[in-house]
Amino acid sequence: MALTTTQPNLECCTGLHTEHLCYMVSQGFHVSDEQEYEALVENARYQCNRCERVAASDANLCVPVPL
């Protein structure tokens, strides 16, 4: 199975981009710490309007919108 990585959002200006799923996945977090990654996306309540990832907390997305 090939690993899918995305480019980090260079336009994100929250100052906390390293906590966003698009950045974490680009660094291989979903592979290196699969259980913690699953905890961040389990029971997703938000979707990123930029990368379309989903997360339980809006804090883990660049441009979160409620699902």
Protein backbone atom coordinates (compact mmCIF):
# COMPACT_ATOMS: atom_id res chain seq x y z
CA MET A 1 0.00 0.00 0.00
CA ALA A 2 1.43 3.37 -1.00
CA LEU A 3 1.56 6.17 1.54
CA THR A 4 -0.35 9.28 0.59
CA THR A 5 1.11 12.55 1.77
CA THR A 6 -0.08 16.08 1.22
CA GLN A 7 1.80 19.33 1.11
CA PRO A 8 1.47 21.41 4.27
CA ASN A 9 -0.80 24.42 3.94
CA LEU A 10 1.69 27.26 3.61
CA GLU A 11 -1.18 29.76 3.70
CA CYS A 12 -2.37 28.70 7.16
CA CYS A 13 -1.82 31.68 9.43
CA THR A 14 -3.14 30.33 12.72
CA GLY A 15 0.33 29.87 14.15
CA LEU A 16 -0.66 26.35 15.18
CA HIS A 17 -0.36 24.65 11.81
CA THR A 18 1.75 21.85 13.27
CA GLU A 19 -1.42 20.70 15.12
CA HIS A 20 -3.47 20.45 11.92
CA LEU A 21 -4.11 17.08 10.28
CA CYS A 22 -2.80 18.15 6.86
CA TYR A 23 0.57 18.96 8.43
CA MET A 24 0.61 15.85 10.63
CA VAL A 25 -0.15 13.55 7.70
CA SER A 26 2.51 15.24 5.58
CA GLN A 27 4.97 14.26 8.33
CA GLY A 28 3.76 10.64 8.47
CA PHE A 29 1.95 10.96 11.80
CA HIS A 30 -0.92 8.75 10.61
CA VAL A 31 1.61 5.94 10.13
CA SER A 32 3.96 6.55 13.06
CA ASP A 33 1.19 6.98 15.66
CA GLU A 34 -1.88 5.36 14.14
CA GLN A 35 -3.84 5.13 17.41
CA GLU A 36 -3.44 8.81 18.26
CA TYR A 37 -4.33 9.78 14.68
CA GLU A 38 -7.49 7.66 14.86
CA ALA A 39 -8.43 9.37 18.13
CA LEU A 40 -8.20 12.76 16.38
CA VAL A 41 -10.52 11.74 13.54
CA GLU A 42 -12.91 9.45 15.42
CA ASN A 43 -16.42 10.90 15.80
CA ALA A 44 -15.53 13.70 13.40
CA ARG A 45 -17.58 16.86 13.80
CA TYR A 46 -15.63 19.16 11.45
CA GLN A 47 -14.25 19.07 7.93
CA CYS A 48 -11.47 21.25 6.54
CA ASN A 49 -12.70 23.48 3.74
CA ARG A 50 -9.22 23.33 2.21
CA CYS A 51 -7.99 19.71 2.34
CA GLU A 52 -11.34 18.04 3.17
CA ARG A 53 -9.92 16.05 6.07
CA VAL A 54 -12.27 15.46 9.00
CA ALA A 55 -11.56 15.77 12.72
CA ALA A 56 -13.30 15.65 16.06
CA SER A 57 -11.95 19.10 16.96
CA ASP A 58 -11.86 22.23 14.84
CA ALA A 59 -8.42 22.93 16.33
CA ASN A 60 -6.95 20.18 14.13
CA LEU A 61 -8.00 21.76 10.82
CA CYS A 62 -6.92 24.88 8.91
CA VAL A 63 -10.36 25.98 7.71
CA PRO A 64 -12.88 24.01 9.78
CA VAL A 65 -16.60 23.88 8.99
CA PRO A 66 -19.15 21.86 10.98
CA LEU A 67 -20.32 18.61 9.39
